[in-house]
Structures are given as structure tokens and as C-alpha cells.
C-alpha atoms as a PDB file:
ATOM      1  CA  MET A   1     180.969 228.888  95.079  1.00  0.00           C
ATOM      2  CA  ARG A   2     177.118 230.237  94.633  1.00  0.00           C
ATOM      3  CA  VAL A   3     176.916 233.922  94.961  1.00  0.00           C
ATOM      4  CA  VAL A   4     173.741 236.161  94.237  1.00  0.00           C
ATOM      5  CA  GLU A   5     174.871 239.224  92.553  1.00  0.00           C
ATOM      6  CA  ILE A   6     174.188 242.848  90.601  1.00  0.00           C
ATOM      7  CA  ARG A   7     176.110 241.442  87.185  1.00  0.00           C
ATOM      8  CA  ASP A   8     175.852 244.250  84.773  1.00  0.00           C
ATOM      9  CA  ARG A   9     172.827 246.387  85.652  1.00  0.00           C
ATOM     10  CA  PHE A  10     170.827 247.885  88.826  1.00  0.00           C
ATOM     11  CA  GLY A  11     167.569 247.381  89.838  1.00  0.00           C
ATOM     12  CA  LEU A  12     165.704 244.161  92.244  1.00  0.00           C
ATOM     13  CA  ASP A  13     165.261 242.394  88.425  1.00  0.00           C
ATOM     14  CA  HIS A  14     168.936 242.185  87.437  1.00  0.00           C
ATOM     15  CA  LEU A  15     169.642 240.420  90.778  1.00  0.00           C
ATOM     16  CA  ILE A  16     170.630 237.219  89.643  1.00  0.00           C
ATOM     17  CA  ALA A  17     172.130 233.642  91.359  1.00  0.00           C
ATOM     18  CA  GLY A  18     175.073 232.510  90.003  1.00  0.00           C
ATOM     19  CA  GLU A  19     178.598 230.910  90.540  1.00  0.00           C
ATOM     20  CA  ARG A  20     181.649 232.286  91.255  1.00  0.00           C
ATOM     21  CA  PRO A  21     185.517 230.517  91.809  1.00  0.00           C
ATOM     22  CA  ASP A  22     186.065 229.824  95.455  1.00  0.00           C
ATOM     23  CA  PRO A  23     188.272 232.448  96.855  1.00  0.00           C
ATOM     24  CA  GLN A  24     191.690 231.217  98.542  1.00  0.00           C
ATOM     25  CA  PRO A  25     193.138 233.273 101.901  1.00  0.00           C
ATOM     26  CA  GLY A  26     196.470 234.924 101.037  1.00  0.00           C
ATOM     27  CA  PRO A  27     199.124 236.069 104.061  1.00  0.00           C
ATOM     28  CA  GLY A  28     196.730 237.215 107.139  1.00  0.00           C
ATOM     29  CA  GLU A  29     193.911 236.804 105.669  1.00  0.00           C
ATOM     30  CA  VAL A  30     190.959 234.098 106.629  1.00  0.00           C
ATOM     31  CA  LEU A  31     188.506 232.115 104.550  1.00  0.00           C
ATOM     32  CA  VAL A  32     184.587 231.889 105.816  1.00  0.00           C
ATOM     33  CA  ARG A  33     182.395 229.657 104.986  1.00  0.00           C
ATOM     34  CA  LEU A  34     179.395 231.817 105.411  1.00  0.00           C
ATOM     35  CA  ARG A  35     175.770 230.047 107.143  1.00  0.00           C
ATOM     36  CA  ALA A  36     174.003 232.992 107.263  1.00  0.00           C
ATOM     37  CA  ALA A  37     173.569 237.064 106.183  1.00  0.00           C
ATOM     38  CA  SER A  38     171.044 239.681 107.014  1.00  0.00           C
ATOM     39  CA  LEU A  39     169.549 242.685 105.244  1.00  0.00           C
ATOM     40  CA  ASN A  40     169.948 246.172 106.001  1.00  0.00           C
ATOM     41  CA  TYR A  41     168.184 248.573 103.934  1.00  0.00           C
ATOM     42  CA  ARG A  42     171.655 250.216 102.625  1.00  0.00           C
ATOM     43  CA  ASP A  43     171.750 247.144 100.799  1.00  0.00           C
ATOM     44  CA  LEU A  44     167.795 247.319  98.716  1.00  0.00           C
ATOM     45  CA  LEU A  45     169.277 250.688  97.941  1.00  0.00           C
ATOM     46  CA  MET A  46     173.007 249.449  96.756  1.00  0.00           C
ATOM     47  CA  VAL A  47     170.523 247.059  94.441  1.00  0.00           C
ATOM     48  CA  ARG A  48     168.594 249.829  92.754  1.00  0.00           C
ATOM     49  CA  GLY A  49     171.302 252.018  92.333  1.00  0.00           C
ATOM     50  CA  GLN A  50     170.410 254.776  94.450  1.00  0.00           C
ATOM     51  CA  TYR A  51     173.365 254.094  97.113  1.00  0.00           C
ATOM     52  CA  ASN A  52     176.165 254.907  94.583  1.00  0.00           C
ATOM     53  CA  PRO A  53     175.115 255.091  91.223  1.00  0.00           C
ATOM     54  CA  ARG A  54     178.782 254.613  90.209  1.00  0.00           C
ATOM     55  CA  GLN A  55     179.164 251.666  92.274  1.00  0.00           C
ATOM     56  CA  PRO A  56     181.589 249.014  89.549  1.00  0.00           C
ATOM     57  CA  LEU A  57     179.922 245.985  88.848  1.00  0.00           C
ATOM     58  CA  PRO A  58     179.475 243.118  89.094  1.00  0.00           C
ATOM     59  CA  LEU A  59     178.886 243.009  93.020  1.00  0.00           C
ATOM     60  CA  ILE A  60     177.766 241.030  95.400  1.00  0.00           C
ATOM     61  CA  PRO A  61     176.046 242.392  98.120  1.00  0.00           C
ATOM     62  CA  GLY A  62     175.133 242.174 101.574  1.00  0.00           C
ATOM     63  CA  SER A  63     176.772 244.045 104.653  1.00  0.00           C
ATOM     64  CA  ASP A  64     175.884 241.799 106.774  1.00  0.00           C
ATOM     65  CA  GLY A  65     176.978 237.519 107.326  1.00  0.00           C
ATOM     66  CA  ALA A  66     178.294 234.946 109.769  1.00  0.00           C
ATOM     67  CA  GLY A  67     179.728 231.502 109.468  1.00  0.00           C
ATOM     68  CA  ALA A  68     182.832 229.682 110.601  1.00  0.00           C
ATOM     69  CA  VAL A  69     186.433 229.740 109.493  1.00  0.00           C
ATOM     70  CA  GLU A  70     187.205 227.046 107.307  1.00  0.00           C
ATOM     71  CA  ALA A  71     191.451 228.221 106.093  1.00  0.00           C
ATOM     72  CA  ILE A  72     193.132 230.451 106.992  1.00  0.00           C
ATOM     73  CA  GLY A  73     197.044 232.250 105.138  1.00  0.00           C
ATOM     74  CA  PRO A  74     200.029 232.362 106.430  1.00  0.00           C
ATOM     75  CA  GLY A  75     200.455 234.671 109.390  1.00  0.00           C
ATOM     76  CA  VAL A  76     197.070 234.337 110.639  1.00  0.00           C
ATOM     77  CA  ASN A  77     196.853 234.133 114.634  1.00  0.00           C
ATOM     78  CA  ARG A  78     193.656 235.654 115.987  1.00  0.00           C
ATOM     79  CA  VAL A  79     191.359 232.911 114.405  1.00  0.00           C
ATOM     80  CA  THR A  80     192.037 229.260 113.918  1.00  0.00           C
ATOM     81  CA  VAL A  81     189.950 226.852 111.940  1.00  0.00           C
ATOM     82  CA  GLY A  82     186.348 226.000 113.143  1.00  0.00           C
ATOM     83  CA  ASP A  83     185.807 229.516 114.996  1.00  0.00           C
ATOM     84  CA  ARG A  84     182.781 231.112 114.611  1.00  0.00           C
ATOM     85  CA  VAL A  85     182.990 234.646 113.203  1.00  0.00           C
ATOM     86  CA  CYS A  86     181.161 237.653 111.635  1.00  0.00           C
ATOM     87  CA  PRO A  87     182.968 239.861 109.287  1.00  0.00           C
ATOM     88  CA  ILE A  88     182.490 243.555 110.426  1.00  0.00           C
ATOM     89  CA  PHE A  89     180.939 245.867 107.629  1.00  0.00           C
ATOM     90  CA  ALA A  90     184.022 248.364 107.131  1.00  0.00           C
ATOM     91  CA  GLN A  91     186.880 246.394 107.798  1.00  0.00           C
ATOM     92  CA  ARG A  92     189.596 249.106 108.034  1.00  0.00           C
ATOM     93  CA  TRP A  93     187.579 250.476 110.439  1.00  0.00           C
ATOM     94  CA  LEU A  94     189.369 248.846 114.130  1.00  0.00           C
ATOM     95  CA  ALA A  95     189.272 251.415 116.478  1.00  0.00           C
ATOM     96  CA  GLY A  96     189.685 255.207 116.634  1.00  0.00           C
ATOM     97  CA  GLU A  97     187.954 257.820 114.307  1.00  0.00           C
ATOM     98  CA  PRO A  98     186.711 256.873 110.769  1.00  0.00           C
ATOM     99  CA  ASP A  99     188.473 258.023 107.749  1.00  0.00           C
ATOM    100  CA  ARG A 100     188.239 258.018 104.264  1.00  0.00           C
ATOM    101  CA  GLN A 101     190.009 254.742 103.640  1.00  0.00           C
ATOM    102  CA  ARG A 102     188.401 253.260 106.413  1.00  0.00           C
ATOM    103  CA  LEU A 103     184.573 254.008 104.975  1.00  0.00           C
ATOM    104  CA  ARG A 104     185.349 252.936 101.731  1.00  0.00           C
ATOM    105  CA  SER A 105     186.236 249.441 103.348  1.00  0.00           C
ATOM    106  CA  THR A 106     182.696 248.641 103.502  1.00  0.00           C
ATOM    107  CA  LEU A 107     181.329 244.915 102.608  1.00  0.00           C
ATOM    108  CA  GLY A 108     178.183 245.207 100.185  1.00  0.00           C
ATOM    109  CA  GLY A 109     179.758 248.065  98.291  1.00  0.00           C
ATOM    110  CA  PRO A 110     182.830 248.967  97.280  1.00  0.00           C
ATOM    111  CA  LEU A 111     183.667 245.504  98.398  1.00  0.00           C
ATOM    112  CA  ASP A 112     181.951 242.331  97.518  1.00  0.00           C
ATOM    113  CA  GLY A 113     179.835 241.402 100.223  1.00  0.00           C
ATOM    114  CA  THR A 114     177.916 237.988 102.116  1.00  0.00           C
ATOM    115  CA  PHE A 115     175.112 237.162  99.721  1.00  0.00           C
ATOM    116  CA  ALA A 116     177.635 234.424  99.088  1.00  0.00           C
ATOM    117  CA  GLU A 117     178.545 230.946 100.243  1.00  0.00           C
ATOM    118  CA  ARG A 118     182.593 231.962 101.536  1.00  0.00           C
ATOM    119  CA  ILE A 119     184.132 235.449 101.717  1.00  0.00           C
ATOM    120  CA  VAL A 120     187.849 236.251 102.163  1.00  0.00           C
ATOM    121  CA  VAL A 121     188.615 238.981 105.014  1.00  0.00           C
ATOM    122  CA  ALA A 122     191.638 240.098 106.570  1.00  0.00           C
ATOM    123  CA  GLN A 123     192.059 238.684 110.089  1.00  0.00           C
ATOM    124  CA  GLU A 124     191.345 242.052 111.708  1.00  0.00           C
ATOM    125  CA  GLY A 125     187.973 242.176 110.041  1.00  0.00           C
ATOM    126  CA  LEU A 126     186.791 239.399 112.280  1.00  0.00           C
ATOM    127  CA  VAL A 127     185.005 239.040 115.214  1.00  0.00           C
ATOM    128  CA  HIS A 128     184.103 235.947 117.351  1.00  0.00           C
ATOM    129  CA  THR A 129     180.570 235.359 117.284  1.00  0.00           C
ATOM    130  CA  PRO A 130     178.361 235.048 120.938  1.00  0.00           C
ATOM    131  CA  ALA A 131     177.947 231.423 122.047  1.00  0.00           C
ATOM    132  CA  HIS A 132     174.644 231.392 122.603  1.00  0.00           C
ATOM    133  CA  LEU A 133     173.712 233.123 119.128  1.00  0.00           C
ATOM    134  CA  SER A 134     172.897 230.636 116.407  1.00  0.00           C
ATOM    135  CA  ASP A 135     174.657 231.929 112.973  1.00  0.00           C
ATOM    136  CA  LEU A 136     171.366 233.174 111.783  1.00  0.00           C
ATOM    137  CA  GLU A 137     170.919 235.399 114.315  1.00  0.00           C
ATOM    138  CA  ALA A 138     174.879 236.487 114.695  1.00  0.00           C
ATOM    139  CA  ALA A 139     174.580 237.498 110.921  1.00  0.00           C
ATOM    140  CA  CYS A 140     172.115 240.522 112.340  1.00  0.00           C
ATOM    141  CA  LEU A 141     174.671 242.164 114.234  1.00  0.00           C
ATOM    142  CA  PRO A 142     177.478 243.421 111.864  1.00  0.00           C
ATOM    143  CA  CYS A 143     175.269 246.894 110.891  1.00  0.00           C
ATOM    144  CA  ALA A 144     172.057 247.108 112.646  1.00  0.00           C
ATOM    145  CA  ALA A 145     173.194 245.971 116.121  1.00  0.00           C
ATOM    146  CA  VAL A 146     176.621 247.514 116.064  1.00  0.00           C
ATOM    147  CA  THR A 147     175.049 250.718 114.888  1.00  0.00           C
ATOM    148  CA  ALA A 148     172.345 250.774 117.682  1.00  0.00           C
ATOM    149  CA  TYR A 149     175.192 250.103 120.502  1.00  0.00           C
ATOM    150  CA  ASN A 150     176.962 253.288 118.531  1.00  0.00           C
ATOM    151  CA  ALA A 151     174.132 255.380 119.182  1.00  0.00           C
ATOM    152  CA  LEU A 152     173.542 254.288 122.529  1.00  0.00           C
ATOM    153  CA  VAL A 153     176.692 253.623 123.958  1.00  0.00           C
ATOM    154  CA  THR A 154     179.689 254.437 122.125  1.00  0.00           C
ATOM    155  CA  GLU A 155     178.058 258.019 121.057  1.00  0.00           C
ATOM    156  CA  GLY A 156     175.296 258.327 122.832  1.00  0.00           C
ATOM    157  CA  GLY A 157     176.537 257.728 126.582  1.00  0.00           C
ATOM    158  CA  LEU A 158     173.549 256.719 127.420  1.00  0.00           C
ATOM    159  CA  THR A 159     173.211 254.827 131.126  1.00  0.00           C
ATOM    160  CA  ALA A 160     170.781 253.913 133.706  1.00  0.00           C
ATOM    161  CA  GLY A 161     167.085 255.920 134.282  1.00  0.00           C
ATOM    162  CA  GLN A 162     167.515 258.337 131.210  1.00  0.00           C
ATOM    163  CA  THR A 163     164.645 258.005 128.162  1.00  0.00           C
ATOM    164  CA  VAL A 164     165.785 257.098 124.383  1.00  0.00           C
ATOM    165  CA  LEU A 165     163.331 257.883 121.747  1.00  0.00           C
ATOM    166  CA  LEU A 166     163.358 255.031 118.852  1.00  0.00           C
ATOM    167  CA  GLN A 167     161.502 255.514 115.967  1.00  0.00           C
ATOM    168  CA  GLY A 168     160.294 253.028 113.874  1.00  0.00           C
ATOM    169  CA  THR A 169     160.283 248.819 114.463  1.00  0.00           C
ATOM    170  CA  GLY A 170     163.045 247.898 112.031  1.00  0.00           C
ATOM    171  CA  GLY A 171     166.689 246.415 113.021  1.00  0.00           C
ATOM    172  CA  VAL A 172     168.094 249.200 114.348  1.00  0.00           C
ATOM    173  CA  SER A 173     165.239 250.518 116.383  1.00  0.00           C
ATOM    174  CA  ILE A 174     164.473 246.614 118.033  1.00  0.00           C
ATOM    175  CA  PHE A 175     167.938 246.687 118.810  1.00  0.00           C
ATOM    176  CA  ALA A 176     168.236 249.890 120.399  1.00  0.00           C
ATOM    177  CA  LEU A 177     164.847 248.807 122.895  1.00  0.00           C
ATOM    178  CA  GLN A 178     166.802 245.369 123.600  1.00  0.00           C
ATOM    179  CA  ILE A 179     170.025 247.145 124.327  1.00  0.00           C
ATOM    180  CA  ALA A 180     168.277 250.364 126.564  1.00  0.00           C
ATOM    181  CA  ARG A 181     166.408 247.663 128.418  1.00  0.00           C
ATOM    182  CA  ALA A 182     169.854 246.012 129.175  1.00  0.00           C
ATOM    183  CA  LEU A 183     171.388 249.289 130.251  1.00  0.00           C
ATOM    184  CA  GLY A 184     168.346 250.032 132.626  1.00  0.00           C
ATOM    185  CA  ALA A 185     166.932 252.892 130.374  1.00  0.00           C
ATOM    186  CA  ARG A 186     163.479 253.911 129.225  1.00  0.00           C
ATOM    187  CA  ALA A 187     162.657 253.857 125.859  1.00  0.00           C
ATOM    188  CA  ILE A 188     159.994 255.164 123.827  1.00  0.00           C
ATOM    189  CA  ILE A 189     159.060 253.880 120.591  1.00  0.00           C
ATOM    190  CA  THR A 190     157.104 254.802 117.137  1.00  0.00           C
ATOM    191  CA  SER A 191     155.285 252.631 114.758  1.00  0.00           C
ATOM    192  CA  SER A 192     152.298 253.969 112.918  1.00  0.00           C
ATOM    193  CA  SER A 193     151.116 249.579 113.238  1.00  0.00           C
ATOM    194  CA  GLU A 194     149.271 248.944 116.584  1.00  0.00           C
ATOM    195  CA  ALA A 195     150.342 245.340 116.599  1.00  0.00           C
ATOM    196  CA  LYS A 196     153.818 246.523 115.907  1.00  0.00           C
ATOM    197  CA  LEU A 197     153.595 248.682 119.055  1.00  0.00           C
ATOM    198  CA  GLU A 198     152.268 245.418 120.965  1.00  0.00           C
ATOM    199  CA  ARG A 199     155.247 243.708 120.254  1.00  0.00           C
ATOM    200  CA  ALA A 200     157.324 246.056 121.265  1.00  0.00           C
ATOM    201  CA  ARG A 201     155.878 246.376 124.702  1.00  0.00           C
ATOM    202  CA  GLN A 202     156.406 242.917 124.966  1.00  0.00           C
ATOM    203  CA  LEU A 203     160.399 243.317 124.448  1.00  0.00           C
ATOM    204  CA  GLY A 204     160.144 245.970 127.458  1.00  0.00           C
ATOM    205  CA  ALA A 205     159.275 249.104 125.322  1.00  0.00           C
ATOM    206  CA  TRP A 206     158.344 251.988 128.368  1.00  0.00           C
ATOM    207  CA  ALA A 207     156.218 253.719 126.489  1.00  0.00           C
ATOM    208  CA  CYS A 208     154.165 253.540 122.538  1.00  0.00           C
ATOM    209  CA  LEU A 209     153.129 255.908 120.160  1.00  0.00           C
ATOM    210  CA  ASN A 210     150.976 256.081 117.119  1.00  0.00           C
ATOM    211  CA  TYR A 211     152.792 258.368 114.727  1.00  0.00           C
ATOM    212  CA  ARG A 212     149.764 258.019 112.564  1.00  0.00           C
ATOM    213  CA  GLN A 213     147.444 258.674 115.094  1.00  0.00           C
ATOM    214  CA  GLU A 214     149.673 261.481 116.349  1.00  0.00           C
ATOM    215  CA  PRO A 215     151.620 263.247 113.713  1.00  0.00           C
ATOM    216  CA  ARG A 216     153.016 265.807 116.294  1.00  0.00           C
ATOM    217  CA  TRP A 217     154.424 263.123 118.582  1.00  0.00           C
ATOM    218  CA  ALA A 218     156.790 265.057 120.231  1.00  0.00           C
ATOM    219  CA  LYS A 219     153.924 266.656 122.394  1.00  0.00           C
ATOM    220  CA  ARG A 220     153.187 263.408 123.663  1.00  0.00           C
ATOM    221  CA  VAL A 221     156.880 262.659 124.594  1.00  0.00           C
ATOM    222  CA  LEU A 222     157.030 265.652 126.453  1.00  0.00           C
ATOM    223  CA  GLU A 223     154.118 264.841 128.500  1.00  0.00           C
ATOM    224  CA  LEU A 224     155.858 261.441 128.987  1.00  0.00           C
ATOM    225  CA  THR A 225     158.413 263.028 130.734  1.00  0.00           C
ATOM    226  CA  GLY A 226     157.232 266.069 132.588  1.00  0.00           C
ATOM    227  CA  SER A 227     158.242 268.508 130.244  1.00  0.00           C
ATOM    228  CA  HIS A 228     161.559 267.292 130.479  1.00  0.00           C
ATOM    229  CA  GLY A 229     162.083 265.225 127.194  1.00  0.00           C
ATOM    230  CA  VAL A 230     163.892 262.641 126.155  1.00  0.00           C
ATOM    231  CA  ASP A 231     167.819 262.200 126.914  1.00  0.00           C
ATOM    232  CA  LEU A 232     168.849 260.572 123.595  1.00  0.00           C
ATOM    233  CA  VAL A 233     166.915 260.314 119.879  1.00  0.00           C
ATOM    234  CA  VAL A 234     167.565 257.335 117.738  1.00  0.00           C
ATOM    235  CA  GLU A 235     166.756 259.466 114.491  1.00  0.00           C
ATOM    236  CA  VAL A 236     166.022 257.053 111.174  1.00  0.00           C
ATOM    237  CA  GLY A 237     163.725 258.866 109.614  1.00  0.00           C
ATOM    238  CA  GLY A 238     165.619 262.063 108.739  1.00  0.00           C
ATOM    239  CA  ALA A 239     164.223 264.612 106.979  1.00  0.00           C
ATOM    240  CA  GLY A 240     160.882 264.464 107.842  1.00  0.00           C
ATOM    241  CA  THR A 241     161.230 263.428 111.543  1.00  0.00           C
ATOM    242  CA  LEU A 242     164.317 265.297 112.340  1.00  0.00           C
ATOM    243  CA  ALA A 243     161.562 268.384 113.249  1.00  0.00           C
ATOM    244  CA  GLN A 244     159.896 266.821 115.567  1.00  0.00           C
ATOM    245  CA  SER A 245     162.869 264.916 116.860  1.00  0.00           C
ATOM    246  CA  LEU A 246     164.189 268.128 117.945  1.00  0.00           C
ATOM    247  CA  LYS A 247     160.960 268.738 119.900  1.00  0.00           C
ATOM    248  CA  ALA A 248     161.221 265.881 121.778  1.00  0.00           C
ATOM    249  CA  VAL A 249     164.626 265.926 122.973  1.00  0.00           C
ATOM    250  CA  ARG A 250     165.598 267.421 126.223  1.00  0.00           C
ATOM    251  CA  ILE A 251     167.873 270.765 126.688  1.00  0.00           C
ATOM    252  CA  GLY A 252     171.530 269.375 126.220  1.00  0.00           C
ATOM    253  CA  GLY A 253     170.356 266.248 125.044  1.00  0.00           C
ATOM    254  CA  ARG A 254     171.755 264.241 121.939  1.00  0.00           C
ATOM    255  CA  ILE A 255     170.758 263.147 118.612  1.00  0.00           C
ATOM    256  CA  ALA A 256     171.968 259.856 116.759  1.00  0.00           C
ATOM    257  CA  LEU A 257     171.054 260.567 112.956  1.00  0.00           C
ATOM    258  CA  ILE A 258     171.014 256.950 111.654  1.00  0.00           C
ATOM    259  CA  GLY A 259     168.577 257.283 108.651  1.00  0.00           C
ATOM    260  CA  VAL A 260     167.066 258.559 105.884  1.00  0.00           C
ATOM    261  CA  LEU A 261     164.003 257.076 105.472  1.00  0.00           C
ATOM    262  CA  SER A 262     161.616 260.001 105.266  1.00  0.00           C
ATOM    263  CA  GLY A 263     163.740 262.095 103.182  1.00  0.00           C
ATOM    264  CA  VAL A 264     167.665 263.868 102.956  1.00  0.00           C
ATOM    265  CA  THR A 265     167.042 267.717 102.760  1.00  0.00           C
ATOM    266  CA  SER A 266     164.983 269.682 105.751  1.00  0.00           C
ATOM    267  CA  GLU A 267     164.562 273.278 106.083  1.00  0.00           C
ATOM    268  CA  LEU A 268     164.999 273.654 109.923  1.00  0.00           C
ATOM    269  CA  ALA A 269     165.224 276.785 112.237  1.00  0.00           C
ATOM    270  CA  LEU A 270     168.847 276.057 113.807  1.00  0.00           C
ATOM    271  CA  THR A 271     167.594 277.573 116.744  1.00  0.00           C
ATOM    272  CA  SER A 272     166.253 274.991 118.333  1.00  0.00           C
ATOM    273  CA  ILE A 273     169.370 273.534 118.106  1.00  0.00           C
ATOM    274  CA  LEU A 274     171.882 276.087 119.471  1.00  0.00           C
ATOM    275  CA  MET A 275     169.748 277.676 122.068  1.00  0.00           C
ATOM    276  CA  ARG A 276     168.611 274.414 123.569  1.00  0.00           C
ATOM    277  CA  ARG A 277     172.388 273.181 123.209  1.00  0.00           C
ATOM    278  CA  VAL A 278     171.485 269.947 121.490  1.00  0.00           C
ATOM    279  CA  ARG A 279     174.042 267.634 120.015  1.00  0.00           C
ATOM    280  CA  ILE A 280     173.520 265.559 116.533  1.00  0.00           C
ATOM    281  CA  GLN A 281     175.657 263.367 115.713  1.00  0.00           C
ATOM    282  CA  GLY A 282     175.687 261.156 112.609  1.00  0.00           C
ATOM    283  CA  ILE A 283     176.450 257.622 112.645  1.00  0.00           C
ATOM    284  CA  MET A 284     177.823 254.847 110.296  1.00  0.00           C
ATOM    285  CA  VAL A 285     177.582 251.770 112.125  1.00  0.00           C
ATOM    286  CA  GLY A 286     180.843 251.158 114.332  1.00  0.00           C
ATOM    287  CA  HIS A 287     184.435 249.958 114.644  1.00  0.00           C
ATOM    288  CA  ARG A 288     185.620 246.413 115.651  1.00  0.00           C
ATOM    289  CA  ASP A 289     186.150 247.239 119.370  1.00  0.00           C
ATOM    290  CA  SER A 290     182.472 248.520 119.646  1.00  0.00           C
ATOM    291  CA  PHE A 291     181.454 245.348 117.784  1.00  0.00           C
ATOM    292  CA  GLU A 292     183.095 243.460 120.346  1.00  0.00           C
ATOM    293  CA  ALA A 293     181.809 245.208 123.694  1.00  0.00           C
ATOM    294  CA  LEU A 294     178.320 244.898 121.792  1.00  0.00           C
ATOM    295  CA  ASN A 295     179.168 241.451 121.971  1.00  0.00           C
ATOM    296  CA  ARG A 296     179.752 241.194 125.473  1.00  0.00           C
ATOM    297  CA  LEU A 297     177.331 243.316 126.345  1.00  0.00           C
ATOM    298  CA  LEU A 298     174.437 240.387 124.205  1.00  0.00           C
ATOM    299  CA  GLU A 299     176.265 237.859 126.155  1.00  0.00           C
ATOM    300  CA  VAL A 300     176.206 238.713 129.682  1.00  0.00           C
ATOM    301  CA  HIS A 301     172.330 239.143 129.610  1.00  0.00           C
ATOM    302  CA  GLN A 302     171.727 236.378 126.826  1.00  0.00           C
ATOM    303  CA  ILE A 303     170.064 238.983 124.379  1.00  0.00           C
ATOM    304  CA  ARG A 304     169.054 237.192 121.009  1.00  0.00           C
ATOM    305  CA  PRO A 305     168.519 239.199 117.828  1.00  0.00           C
ATOM    306  CA  VAL A 306     164.249 239.707 116.708  1.00  0.00           C
ATOM    307  CA  ILE A 307     164.331 237.977 113.559  1.00  0.00           C
ATOM    308  CA  ASP A 308     161.069 238.440 111.183  1.00  0.00           C
ATOM    309  CA  ARG A 309     161.757 236.064 108.572  1.00  0.00           C
ATOM    310  CA  SER A 310     164.465 234.078 106.925  1.00  0.00           C
ATOM    311  CA  PHE A 311     164.718 233.371 103.283  1.00  0.00           C
ATOM    312  CA  PRO A 312     167.164 231.014 101.810  1.00  0.00           C
ATOM    313  CA  LEU A 313     169.980 232.367  99.316  1.00  0.00           C
ATOM    314  CA  ALA A 314     168.592 232.214  96.180  1.00  0.00           C
ATOM    315  CA  GLU A 315     165.357 234.068  97.352  1.00  0.00           C
ATOM    316  CA  ALA A 316     167.783 237.176  98.047  1.00  0.00           C
ATOM    317  CA  ARG A 317     165.378 238.904  95.584  1.00  0.00           C
ATOM    318  CA  GLY A 318     162.304 238.152  97.912  1.00  0.00           C
ATOM    319  CA  ALA A 319     163.672 239.232 100.837  1.00  0.00           C
ATOM    320  CA  LEU A 320     164.838 242.804  99.796  1.00  0.00           C
ATOM    321  CA  GLU A 321     161.164 243.446  97.957  1.00  0.00           C
ATOM    322  CA  TRP A 322     159.559 242.079 101.962  1.00  0.00           C
ATOM    323  CA  MET A 323     162.040 244.701 103.587  1.00  0.00           C
ATOM    324  CA  ALA A 324     160.982 247.445 100.419  1.00  0.00           C
ATOM    325  CA  GLY A 325     156.913 246.333 101.618  1.00  0.00           C
ATOM    326  CA  GLY A 326     157.709 247.762 105.352  1.00  0.00           C
ATOM    327  CA  SER A 327     156.214 245.149 106.534  1.00  0.00           C
ATOM    328  CA  HIS A 328     158.636 243.357 108.741  1.00  0.00           C
ATOM    329  CA  PHE A 329     159.265 243.767 112.659  1.00  0.00           C
ATOM    330  CA  GLY A 330     163.086 243.725 113.314  1.00  0.00           C
ATOM    331  CA  LYS A 331     165.428 241.913 110.808  1.00  0.00           C
ATOM    332  CA  ILE A 332     165.309 239.622 107.925  1.00  0.00           C
ATOM    333  CA  ALA A 333     168.100 236.903 107.172  1.00  0.00           C
ATOM    334  CA  LEU A 334     169.304 234.783 104.791  1.00  0.00           C
ATOM    335  CA  SER A 335     170.100 231.138 104.989  1.00  0.00           C
ATOM    336  CA  ILE A 336     173.223 230.057 103.373  1.00  0.00           C
END
């Protein structure tokens, strides 16, 4: 089968197309013929060697994928040949709280991932694809969409009439915008691009803020919310934006900490968290139960992922370079 892999050294220059033997399913396992994959910032960091420099090589990157069941091993009863499916990100995290072993079962490192024609996973590590989505669209769900759903619903408890602040227009934030709108919540979104903000308005954003024009955007958020603040912040910036998020969230509000695009360390006044009873929750994608709940919401509201561009599998390096440039809106996908 065709694969794209990091063979012996980290770096985009060392991401190469190759061949591996077709895998075969054992007891309780499923062979999935992948039709599409999608990119996450984690994949870029993994290829560069910045996510886990001790990751054993060779490695097939890719955390997201979608396809169809091609063969099943003895004892499989959750899926049948021909079913359209997505592998879940953390293969052993099916429900409940995560632990070390569950979080070490992730695709695209330490396990081989989805930049390949075929993958074998345990039957428990699959969900059925929403019927209204193409494989390319479904491949965008396992990380970004589940992360957004976990941040807003599973952990965030967002309800109709509440207000959420979303940072940027990458995959997680755009999924969060679509989900928030489906829940009847209002979304404020930030970007440095007026063109991207206009696209966010078309998707239903309640308010849009250009953080280059308004670097202290928390003040504007408070004006928009009548000095109340937002109920929830989906924090993808990290160190560079957390101080503004703490000023923008309401007393007793929540911050879902997802990304570290602007840095990993920050000096904060802890009183802004203590005295205002703000809850900061780290989000690491989510479990299979959240994925299946997400899929039900997508089907009811007929929500489709926003795909910026798609590339053929052999051009995975170019797709990652496109992501590194930061000009995308929504998800970047690979057709396999």
C-alpha cells in the first residue's frame, strides 16, 4: 500500500512517499480502506520533531481519516464490510476520564496514522460516518470537530443563549462556530484577516474582531456583552492570548484551553482566576462517546465541515506547508 512517512529523520524535507505491505486484521480488528485524511497542527509539529522528539521512527503521520471497512477479523461485530467509518484519535479512549494508557493510543504518533491507503484498528476504535458527509468531509471530524464539541458541550456545557469567544479561523474554531450556532449560542470570533472574518459572518458569527486592529480585544468583547463577558472561551492561542481571554470571560465563566499557537509559557496574575471563579479546562480531543454524540448533532443539523483545500496523498508535504503558512480557513484535507 502507498504511505507517506517520516522514515529516519524529522523534518518536512524527510517526509516521503513509500510502500508498505498491506496490513491484515487479527481477532477483533478491522481493516479500513482510507479514502481521505485531514491535517491538524499536531501533524505539522510531529513531522518537524517538535511534538515528541523521542517518537520512534519510521512513523506514518496523520490523526484524522475516513474510509470504508475492507475486511474484518474474527469476533468483530460492531461493523461489517462496506461500512463507512472513521477511526477515533485515541484508540483506547472510549468513554469516561482519560488516563496515561488511553492517551498513548493516539494515531499519528505514537501509533502509525492515516497518511496511508489502509489502516488496521480495533473494532472499538471506529465510529460510523454521518450519512450526509463525503469521505473527504468525514476525515475532518476525528480531531478538530471532536475537540470543538468536547470544549463546547462535553466539558463546556454551552447552552442556548450563551456567548462563546472563538480565536482564529482554523479547523477547531470553525467547527466550534458551526456547533455553537446549532446549539443556539452566540459566537464572537477573532482573526487578523477581514476576508476571513467576512466568511465567519456568513457562517453565522454574531460578532467579528480583528485582533491586529484591536490587540486588546477583551475590552471590545466586554462592550459587546454589556460588561458581562462571555460564558466560554475556546483558547487556541495559548500564552500570548490567555491574559486577554481572562479579561473577556465572565465571572464564573470557563476557558477551554486547546492550543498553544502563541506560546506555551505565560506570567499571569492568579487573582484574575481566583477572585472571578474562572475555570480553565485543558482539552485533549475527546473520547468515542463524544464523537458519536457529535455525529448525531451533525446529522440533525446537516452540518458540513468547511474545507479550505484538498491535496492528493502524495502531496502531503505541500499540504503541511500550506498549513504552516496560516492562510487556510477551516480544514485542509488529503484525498487518498
